[in-house]
Amino acid sequence: MAGRARKPLRFVHTSDVHLETDTFGSGAAGNALRDRVRQSFANVIELANTREADLLLIVGDLFDSSRVTEEGLAFAMGTIARAKMPAILIPGNHDAHDERSIYAGLRSSSLPSNLRLILEPDGTSILFEELQTHVWGRALVEHTPEYRPLGGIPSPHPDFWNIAMAHGFFVENGEVDRSSPIFAKEIQESGYDYIALGHVHVYSDVSQGPTRALYCGTPAPLYSSDNSGWVAVVDCFPGEELLVQRALVKA
């Protein structure tokens, strides 16, 4: 493992919530589905609190687009505020940090005190000294083959757990025709303990070498018949392999 942290760590990894999508249509059916997606996100926060997670990672596409009402934005921020741990959020391809970015106009005073919003296109590191944890991520600005979600990832911190957040599509080395590609070689050579991935809506383990890398899937009830989705709960214990649990979220 990359990190030599002495403290255990637990975090919840979610992505692709797709709040406030306008593809549900109008009328009662569309409103009901929108409400279930909202409830699924509220239940992610409840799960993180119940599991006593140290961190919550939201790896892109919290919103389905930048066309979000003030009420919808207030719901999202208010829901995050109920988390009893720090939350880290990066934009994805649906809520990209471009000229229409929903995040660009947000005042810091309007953000929950527990939210760390990463908007730097070149990426930034956040150190949680008390958790001996280093989290790195970068904002997706344009979903193109030229954008590299893991481009510019810094060297791991020698005494911390090292976690990266990346929203894009995993490809084997050599493939170049995907937008926002995340290459297997980049994961393996990162030296990180865990790379939290977003963009793919189903749970998928694409770990490479000693680095665990997973898509947690969407918590939203977009594909199931029983109004459920998924998140990943990750436990880190010094000197042991990371323990990753696929956890059910009901809407």
C-alpha atoms as a PDB file:
ATOM      1  CA  MET A   1       0.000   0.000   0.000  1.00  0.00           C
ATOM      2  CA  ALA A   2       1.141   3.531  -0.735  1.00  0.00           C
ATOM      3  CA  GLY A   3       0.209   5.137   2.535  1.00  0.00           C
ATOM      4  CA  ARG A   4       1.925   4.512   5.848  1.00  0.00           C
ATOM      5  CA  ALA A   5      -0.854   6.082   7.900  1.00  0.00           C
ATOM      6  CA  ARG A   6      -1.211   4.746  11.411  1.00  0.00           C
ATOM      7  CA  LYS A   7      -4.906   5.488  11.783  1.00  0.00           C
ATOM      8  CA  PRO A   8      -7.800   3.479  10.343  1.00  0.00           C
ATOM      9  CA  LEU A   9     -10.009   5.348   7.869  1.00  0.00           C
ATOM     10  CA  ARG A  10     -13.531   4.767   6.578  1.00  0.00           C
ATOM     11  CA  PHE A  11     -15.045   6.688   3.684  1.00  0.00           C
ATOM     12  CA  VAL A  12     -18.134   6.504   1.504  1.00  0.00           C
ATOM     13  CA  HIS A  13     -17.671   6.843  -2.257  1.00  0.00           C
ATOM     14  CA  THR A  14     -20.656   7.972  -4.347  1.00  0.00           C
ATOM     15  CA  SER A  15     -21.066   9.489  -7.808  1.00  0.00           C
ATOM     16  CA  ASP A  16     -23.551  10.038 -10.636  1.00  0.00           C
ATOM     17  CA  VAL A  17     -26.513  10.999  -8.499  1.00  0.00           C
ATOM     18  CA  HIS A  18     -27.963  13.080 -11.373  1.00  0.00           C
ATOM     19  CA  LEU A  19     -30.147  15.320  -9.233  1.00  0.00           C
ATOM     20  CA  GLU A  20     -32.655  17.551 -10.997  1.00  0.00           C
ATOM     21  CA  THR A  21     -32.511  15.878 -14.387  1.00  0.00           C
ATOM     22  CA  ASP A  22     -34.948  17.399 -16.887  1.00  0.00           C
ATOM     23  CA  THR A  23     -35.155  14.153 -18.864  1.00  0.00           C
ATOM     24  CA  PHE A  24     -37.817  12.774 -16.529  1.00  0.00           C
ATOM     25  CA  GLY A  25     -40.480  14.794 -18.298  1.00  0.00           C
ATOM     26  CA  SER A  26     -43.289  16.730 -16.729  1.00  0.00           C
ATOM     27  CA  GLY A  27     -46.300  15.622 -14.823  1.00  0.00           C
ATOM     28  CA  ALA A  28     -46.780  13.280 -11.905  1.00  0.00           C
ATOM     29  CA  ALA A  29     -44.512  10.480 -13.164  1.00  0.00           C
ATOM     30  CA  GLY A  30     -41.582  12.822 -13.779  1.00  0.00           C
ATOM     31  CA  ASN A  31     -41.988  14.536 -10.433  1.00  0.00           C
ATOM     32  CA  ALA A  32     -42.204  11.193  -8.634  1.00  0.00           C
ATOM     33  CA  LEU A  33     -38.959   9.979 -10.185  1.00  0.00           C
ATOM     34  CA  ARG A  34     -37.230  13.269  -9.381  1.00  0.00           C
ATOM     35  CA  ASP A  35     -38.325  12.888  -5.774  1.00  0.00           C
ATOM     36  CA  ARG A  36     -36.959   9.321  -5.630  1.00  0.00           C
ATOM     37  CA  VAL A  37     -33.583  10.484  -6.937  1.00  0.00           C
ATOM     38  CA  ARG A  38     -33.532  13.172  -4.265  1.00  0.00           C
ATOM     39  CA  GLN A  39     -34.445  10.613  -1.635  1.00  0.00           C
ATOM     40  CA  SER A  40     -31.638   8.324  -2.780  1.00  0.00           C
ATOM     41  CA  PHE A  41     -29.114  11.119  -2.199  1.00  0.00           C
ATOM     42  CA  ALA A  42     -30.585  11.874   1.205  1.00  0.00           C
ATOM     43  CA  ASN A  43     -30.186   8.175   2.003  1.00  0.00           C
ATOM     44  CA  VAL A  44     -26.510   8.273   0.971  1.00  0.00           C
ATOM     45  CA  ILE A  45     -25.957  10.903   3.643  1.00  0.00           C
ATOM     46  CA  GLU A  46     -27.891   8.828   6.169  1.00  0.00           C
ATOM     47  CA  LEU A  47     -25.797   5.761   5.307  1.00  0.00           C
ATOM     48  CA  ALA A  48     -22.545   7.721   5.702  1.00  0.00           C
ATOM     49  CA  ASN A  49     -23.705   8.995   9.086  1.00  0.00           C
ATOM     50  CA  THR A  50     -24.875   5.566  10.236  1.00  0.00           C
ATOM     51  CA  ARG A  51     -21.597   3.951   9.188  1.00  0.00           C
ATOM     52  CA  GLU A  52     -19.717   6.740  10.968  1.00  0.00           C
ATOM     53  CA  ALA A  53     -17.650   7.499   7.880  1.00  0.00           C
ATOM     54  CA  ASP A  54     -14.694   9.853   8.184  1.00  0.00           C
ATOM     55  CA  LEU A  55     -15.136  11.274   4.664  1.00  0.00           C
ATOM     56  CA  LEU A  56     -17.735  11.411   1.895  1.00  0.00           C
ATOM     57  CA  LEU A  57     -16.505  11.533  -1.716  1.00  0.00           C
ATOM     58  CA  ILE A  58     -18.914  12.759  -4.426  1.00  0.00           C
ATOM     59  CA  VAL A  59     -17.160  11.986  -7.703  1.00  0.00           C
ATOM     60  CA  GLY A  60     -18.964  14.073 -10.308  1.00  0.00           C
ATOM     61  CA  ASP A  61     -22.456  14.394 -11.796  1.00  0.00           C
ATOM     62  CA  LEU A  62     -24.136  15.305  -8.548  1.00  0.00           C
ATOM     63  CA  PHE A  63     -26.418  17.260 -10.873  1.00  0.00           C
ATOM     64  CA  ASP A  64     -27.670  16.068 -14.245  1.00  0.00           C
ATOM     65  CA  SER A  65     -27.012  19.458 -15.826  1.00  0.00           C
ATOM     66  CA  SER A  66     -26.382  23.098 -14.974  1.00  0.00           C
ATOM     67  CA  ARG A  67     -30.105  23.841 -15.327  1.00  0.00           C
ATOM     68  CA  VAL A  68     -30.880  23.624 -11.635  1.00  0.00           C
ATOM     69  CA  THR A  69     -33.452  25.717  -9.802  1.00  0.00           C
ATOM     70  CA  GLU A  70     -32.604  27.624  -6.648  1.00  0.00           C
ATOM     71  CA  GLU A  71     -34.823  25.193  -4.754  1.00  0.00           C
ATOM     72  CA  GLY A  72     -32.996  22.191  -6.235  1.00  0.00           C
ATOM     73  CA  LEU A  73     -29.629  23.681  -5.386  1.00  0.00           C
ATOM     74  CA  ALA A  74     -30.774  24.433  -1.856  1.00  0.00           C
ATOM     75  CA  PHE A  75     -31.919  20.821  -1.469  1.00  0.00           C
ATOM     76  CA  ALA A  76     -28.521  19.483  -2.556  1.00  0.00           C
ATOM     77  CA  MET A  77     -26.503  21.792  -0.322  1.00  0.00           C
ATOM     78  CA  GLY A  78     -28.830  21.288   2.624  1.00  0.00           C
ATOM     79  CA  THR A  79     -28.593  17.522   2.241  1.00  0.00           C
ATOM     80  CA  ILE A  80     -24.786  17.616   2.183  1.00  0.00           C
ATOM     81  CA  ALA A  81     -24.862  19.819   5.280  1.00  0.00           C
ATOM     82  CA  ARG A  82     -26.491  16.964   7.199  1.00  0.00           C
ATOM     83  CA  ALA A  83     -23.398  14.808   6.746  1.00  0.00           C
ATOM     84  CA  LYS A  84     -21.437  14.507   9.978  1.00  0.00           C
ATOM     85  CA  MET A  85     -18.130  14.318   8.124  1.00  0.00           C
ATOM     86  CA  PRO A  86     -16.259  16.369   5.502  1.00  0.00           C
ATOM     87  CA  ALA A  87     -17.578  15.958   1.957  1.00  0.00           C
ATOM     88  CA  ILE A  88     -15.423  16.473  -1.136  1.00  0.00           C
ATOM     89  CA  LEU A  89     -17.102  17.163  -4.485  1.00  0.00           C
ATOM     90  CA  ILE A  90     -15.738  17.379  -8.024  1.00  0.00           C
ATOM     91  CA  PRO A  91     -17.715  18.283 -11.167  1.00  0.00           C
ATOM     92  CA  GLY A  92     -18.402  15.590 -13.764  1.00  0.00           C
ATOM     93  CA  ASN A  93     -19.326  15.744 -17.433  1.00  0.00           C
ATOM     94  CA  HIS A  94     -23.004  16.517 -16.710  1.00  0.00           C
ATOM     95  CA  ASP A  95     -22.248  19.333 -14.271  1.00  0.00           C
ATOM     96  CA  ALA A  96     -18.946  20.394 -15.818  1.00  0.00           C
ATOM     97  CA  HIS A  97     -17.157  23.511 -14.608  1.00  0.00           C
ATOM     98  CA  ASP A  98     -17.423  25.318 -17.946  1.00  0.00           C
ATOM     99  CA  GLU A  99     -18.952  28.651 -18.969  1.00  0.00           C
ATOM    100  CA  ARG A 100     -22.375  27.399 -17.827  1.00  0.00           C
ATOM    101  CA  SER A 101     -21.079  25.951 -14.566  1.00  0.00           C
ATOM    102  CA  ILE A 102     -23.586  25.780 -11.760  1.00  0.00           C
ATOM    103  CA  TYR A 103     -20.673  25.995  -9.348  1.00  0.00           C
ATOM    104  CA  ALA A 104     -19.076  29.171 -10.715  1.00  0.00           C
ATOM    105  CA  GLY A 105     -21.607  31.526  -9.184  1.00  0.00           C
ATOM    106  CA  LEU A 106     -21.806  29.895  -5.780  1.00  0.00           C
ATOM    107  CA  ARG A 107     -20.672  32.094  -2.935  1.00  0.00           C
ATOM    108  CA  SER A 108     -18.569  30.393  -0.305  1.00  0.00           C
ATOM    109  CA  SER A 109     -21.095  31.545   2.265  1.00  0.00           C
ATOM    110  CA  SER A 110     -23.787  29.504   0.514  1.00  0.00           C
ATOM    111  CA  LEU A 111     -21.825  26.261   0.773  1.00  0.00           C
ATOM    112  CA  PRO A 112     -22.173  23.881   3.709  1.00  0.00           C
ATOM    113  CA  SER A 113     -19.305  24.241   6.150  1.00  0.00           C
ATOM    114  CA  ASN A 114     -18.415  20.555   5.697  1.00  0.00           C
ATOM    115  CA  LEU A 115     -18.138  20.739   1.884  1.00  0.00           C
ATOM    116  CA  ARG A 116     -14.839  21.037   0.030  1.00  0.00           C
ATOM    117  CA  LEU A 117     -15.603  21.861  -3.609  1.00  0.00           C
ATOM    118  CA  ILE A 118     -12.725  21.216  -6.004  1.00  0.00           C
ATOM    119  CA  LEU A 119     -12.985  23.578  -8.993  1.00  0.00           C
ATOM    120  CA  GLU A 120      -9.342  23.795 -10.083  1.00  0.00           C
ATOM    121  CA  PRO A 121      -8.999  22.477 -13.670  1.00  0.00           C
ATOM    122  CA  ASP A 122      -5.420  21.393 -12.968  1.00  0.00           C
ATOM    123  CA  GLY A 123      -6.385  19.722  -9.725  1.00  0.00           C
ATOM    124  CA  THR A 124      -5.732  20.332  -6.066  1.00  0.00           C
ATOM    125  CA  SER A 125      -4.791  18.372  -2.969  1.00  0.00           C
ATOM    126  CA  ILE A 126      -6.630  18.504   0.335  1.00  0.00           C
ATOM    127  CA  LEU A 127      -4.886  17.279   3.465  1.00  0.00           C
ATOM    128  CA  PHE A 128      -6.934  16.061   6.401  1.00  0.00           C
ATOM    129  CA  GLU A 129      -4.217  16.058   9.016  1.00  0.00           C
ATOM    130  CA  GLU A 130      -6.359  14.551  11.763  1.00  0.00           C
ATOM    131  CA  LEU A 131      -7.268  11.627   9.466  1.00  0.00           C
ATOM    132  CA  GLN A 132      -3.775  11.246   8.019  1.00  0.00           C
ATOM    133  CA  THR A 133      -5.438  11.425   4.617  1.00  0.00           C
ATOM    134  CA  HIS A 134      -4.549  13.168   1.358  1.00  0.00           C
ATOM    135  CA  VAL A 135      -7.329  13.606  -1.249  1.00  0.00           C
ATOM    136  CA  TRP A 136      -6.610  14.862  -4.782  1.00  0.00           C
ATOM    137  CA  GLY A 137      -9.031  15.694  -7.555  1.00  0.00           C
ATOM    138  CA  ARG A 138      -9.517  18.012 -10.510  1.00  0.00           C
ATOM    139  CA  ALA A 139     -12.552  19.690 -12.027  1.00  0.00           C
ATOM    140  CA  LEU A 140     -13.840  18.436 -15.369  1.00  0.00           C
ATOM    141  CA  VAL A 141     -14.206  21.432 -17.662  1.00  0.00           C
ATOM    142  CA  GLU A 142     -14.691  19.814 -21.082  1.00  0.00           C
ATOM    143  CA  HIS A 143     -15.536  16.162 -21.682  1.00  0.00           C
ATOM    144  CA  THR A 144     -13.172  15.417 -24.593  1.00  0.00           C
ATOM    145  CA  PRO A 145     -10.509  12.823 -25.455  1.00  0.00           C
ATOM    146  CA  GLU A 146      -7.889  15.442 -24.585  1.00  0.00           C
ATOM    147  CA  TYR A 147      -9.028  15.741 -20.986  1.00  0.00           C
ATOM    148  CA  ARG A 148      -7.206  13.413 -18.599  1.00  0.00           C
ATOM    149  CA  PRO A 149      -8.988  13.026 -15.245  1.00  0.00           C
ATOM    150  CA  LEU A 150      -5.744  11.756 -13.663  1.00  0.00           C
ATOM    151  CA  GLY A 151      -3.483  14.167 -15.522  1.00  0.00           C
ATOM    152  CA  GLY A 152      -1.145  15.981 -13.174  1.00  0.00           C
ATOM    153  CA  ILE A 153      -1.829  13.738 -10.199  1.00  0.00           C
ATOM    154  CA  PRO A 154       0.858  14.509  -7.601  1.00  0.00           C
ATOM    155  CA  SER A 155       3.077  11.999  -5.865  1.00  0.00           C
ATOM    156  CA  PRO A 156       1.457  10.299  -2.904  1.00  0.00           C
ATOM    157  CA  HIS A 157       1.995  11.736   0.549  1.00  0.00           C
ATOM    158  CA  PRO A 158       4.408   9.350   2.294  1.00  0.00           C
ATOM    159  CA  ASP A 159       2.660   9.321   5.682  1.00  0.00           C
ATOM    160  CA  PHE A 160      -1.002   9.563   4.706  1.00  0.00           C
ATOM    161  CA  TRP A 161      -3.724   7.537   3.068  1.00  0.00           C
ATOM    162  CA  ASN A 162      -3.730   8.686  -0.574  1.00  0.00           C
ATOM    163  CA  ILE A 163      -7.039   8.934  -2.412  1.00  0.00           C
ATOM    164  CA  ALA A 164      -7.751  10.388  -5.864  1.00  0.00           C
ATOM    165  CA  MET A 165     -11.106  11.353  -7.367  1.00  0.00           C
ATOM    166  CA  ALA A 166     -11.510  11.018 -11.145  1.00  0.00           C
ATOM    167  CA  HIS A 167     -14.582  11.306 -13.369  1.00  0.00           C
ATOM    168  CA  GLY A 168     -14.103   9.606 -16.714  1.00  0.00           C
ATOM    169  CA  PHE A 169     -14.009   6.355 -18.626  1.00  0.00           C
ATOM    170  CA  PHE A 170     -11.567   3.562 -17.808  1.00  0.00           C
ATOM    171  CA  VAL A 171      -9.682   2.297 -20.850  1.00  0.00           C
ATOM    172  CA  GLU A 172      -6.942  -0.193 -21.381  1.00  0.00           C
ATOM    173  CA  ASN A 173      -3.576   1.261 -22.283  1.00  0.00           C
ATOM    174  CA  GLY A 174      -3.440   2.357 -25.897  1.00  0.00           C
ATOM    175  CA  GLU A 175      -7.116   3.230 -26.408  1.00  0.00           C
ATOM    176  CA  VAL A 176      -7.520   6.893 -27.308  1.00  0.00           C
ATOM    177  CA  ASP A 177     -11.042   7.289 -28.726  1.00  0.00           C
ATOM    178  CA  ARG A 178     -12.859   7.855 -25.418  1.00  0.00           C
ATOM    179  CA  SER A 179     -13.591  11.206 -23.830  1.00  0.00           C
ATOM    180  CA  SER A 180     -12.038  11.766 -20.399  1.00  0.00           C
ATOM    181  CA  PRO A 181      -9.990   8.552 -20.533  1.00  0.00           C
ATOM    182  CA  ILE A 182      -8.533   7.020 -17.387  1.00  0.00           C
ATOM    183  CA  PHE A 183      -5.746   4.654 -18.386  1.00  0.00           C
ATOM    184  CA  ALA A 184      -4.902   1.457 -16.558  1.00  0.00           C
ATOM    185  CA  LYS A 185      -1.250   2.504 -16.502  1.00  0.00           C
ATOM    186  CA  GLU A 186      -2.123   5.796 -14.793  1.00  0.00           C
ATOM    187  CA  ILE A 187      -3.888   3.936 -12.006  1.00  0.00           C
ATOM    188  CA  GLN A 188      -1.101   1.422 -11.509  1.00  0.00           C
ATOM    189  CA  GLU A 189       1.657   4.020 -11.510  1.00  0.00           C
ATOM    190  CA  SER A 190      -0.142   6.503  -9.254  1.00  0.00           C
ATOM    191  CA  GLY A 191       1.112   4.932  -6.047  1.00  0.00           C
ATOM    192  CA  TYR A 192      -2.226   5.796  -4.421  1.00  0.00           C
ATOM    193  CA  ASP A 193      -4.223   3.596  -2.084  1.00  0.00           C
ATOM    194  CA  TYR A 194      -7.597   4.203  -3.738  1.00  0.00           C
ATOM    195  CA  ILE A 195      -8.930   5.976  -6.826  1.00  0.00           C
ATOM    196  CA  ALA A 196     -12.621   6.828  -6.562  1.00  0.00           C
ATOM    197  CA  LEU A 197     -14.104   6.812 -10.048  1.00  0.00           C
ATOM    198  CA  GLY A 198     -17.268   8.330 -11.459  1.00  0.00           C
ATOM    199  CA  HIS A 199     -19.048   8.276 -14.844  1.00  0.00           C
ATOM    200  CA  VAL A 200     -19.986   4.587 -15.168  1.00  0.00           C
ATOM    201  CA  HIS A 201     -23.342   3.887 -13.548  1.00  0.00           C
ATOM    202  CA  VAL A 202     -22.688   0.281 -12.545  1.00  0.00           C
ATOM    203  CA  TYR A 203     -20.368  -1.049  -9.861  1.00  0.00           C
ATOM    204  CA  SER A 204     -17.052  -2.002 -11.445  1.00  0.00           C
ATOM    205  CA  ASP A 205     -13.635  -2.869 -10.026  1.00  0.00           C
ATOM    206  CA  VAL A 206     -10.782  -1.737 -12.283  1.00  0.00           C
ATOM    207  CA  SER A 207      -7.984  -1.975  -9.713  1.00  0.00           C
ATOM    208  CA  GLN A 208      -4.467  -2.083 -11.088  1.00  0.00           C
ATOM    209  CA  GLY A 209      -1.547  -3.536  -9.159  1.00  0.00           C
ATOM    210  CA  PRO A 210      -1.592  -2.362  -5.539  1.00  0.00           C
ATOM    211  CA  THR A 211      -3.976   0.540  -6.246  1.00  0.00           C
ATOM    212  CA  ARG A 212      -7.680  -0.086  -5.718  1.00  0.00           C
ATOM    213  CA  ALA A 213      -9.844   1.735  -8.268  1.00  0.00           C
ATOM    214  CA  LEU A 214     -13.602   1.373  -8.443  1.00  0.00           C
ATOM    215  CA  TYR A 215     -16.731   2.770  -9.976  1.00  0.00           C
ATOM    216  CA  CYS A 216     -19.292   2.714  -7.186  1.00  0.00           C
ATOM    217  CA  GLY A 217     -22.279   2.936  -9.523  1.00  0.00           C
ATOM    218  CA  THR A 218     -25.164   5.340  -9.084  1.00  0.00           C
ATOM    219  CA  PRO A 219     -27.213   5.518  -5.894  1.00  0.00           C
ATOM    220  CA  ALA A 220     -30.192   6.748  -7.924  1.00  0.00           C
ATOM    221  CA  PRO A 221     -32.998   4.305  -8.823  1.00  0.00           C
ATOM    222  CA  LEU A 222     -32.413   4.683 -12.546  1.00  0.00           C
ATOM    223  CA  TYR A 223     -32.072   1.038 -13.540  1.00  0.00           C
ATOM    224  CA  SER A 224     -33.503  -1.148 -10.788  1.00  0.00           C
ATOM    225  CA  SER A 225     -37.095  -2.245 -10.356  1.00  0.00           C
ATOM    226  CA  ASP A 226     -36.968  -1.887  -6.571  1.00  0.00           C
ATOM    227  CA  ASN A 227     -35.915   1.787  -6.295  1.00  0.00           C
ATOM    228  CA  SER A 228     -32.371   0.996  -5.214  1.00  0.00           C
ATOM    229  CA  GLY A 229     -28.831   2.016  -6.113  1.00  0.00           C
ATOM    230  CA  TRP A 230     -25.339   1.596  -4.740  1.00  0.00           C
ATOM    231  CA  VAL A 231     -22.387   3.282  -3.085  1.00  0.00           C
ATOM    232  CA  ALA A 232     -18.998   1.948  -1.966  1.00  0.00           C
ATOM    233  CA  VAL A 233     -17.962   1.890   1.679  1.00  0.00           C
ATOM    234  CA  VAL A 234     -14.180   1.645   1.996  1.00  0.00           C
ATOM    235  CA  ASP A 235     -12.282   0.682   5.149  1.00  0.00           C
ATOM    236  CA  CYS A 236      -8.546   1.316   5.375  1.00  0.00           C
ATOM    237  CA  PHE A 237      -6.528  -0.426   8.075  1.00  0.00           C
ATOM    238  CA  PRO A 238      -2.769   0.076   8.451  1.00  0.00           C
ATOM    239  CA  GLY A 239      -0.785  -2.776   6.944  1.00  0.00           C
ATOM    240  CA  GLU A 240      -3.839  -4.478   5.418  1.00  0.00           C
ATOM    241  CA  GLU A 241      -5.559  -4.538   2.047  1.00  0.00           C
ATOM    242  CA  LEU A 242      -8.398  -2.072   1.651  1.00  0.00           C
ATOM    243  CA  LEU A 243     -11.813  -3.537   2.372  1.00  0.00           C
ATOM    244  CA  VAL A 244     -14.450  -2.358  -0.110  1.00  0.00           C
ATOM    245  CA  GLN A 245     -18.142  -3.056   0.437  1.00  0.00           C
ATOM    246  CA  ARG A 246     -20.848  -2.455  -2.156  1.00  0.00           C
ATOM    247  CA  ALA A 247     -23.668  -0.966  -0.089  1.00  0.00           C
ATOM    248  CA  LEU A 248     -27.317  -0.812  -1.114  1.00  0.00           C
ATOM    249  CA  VAL A 249     -29.124   2.539  -1.121  1.00  0.00           C
ATOM    250  CA  LYS A 250     -32.914   2.511  -1.244  1.00  0.00           C
ATOM    251  CA  ALA A 251     -34.895   5.457  -2.587  1.00  0.00           C
END
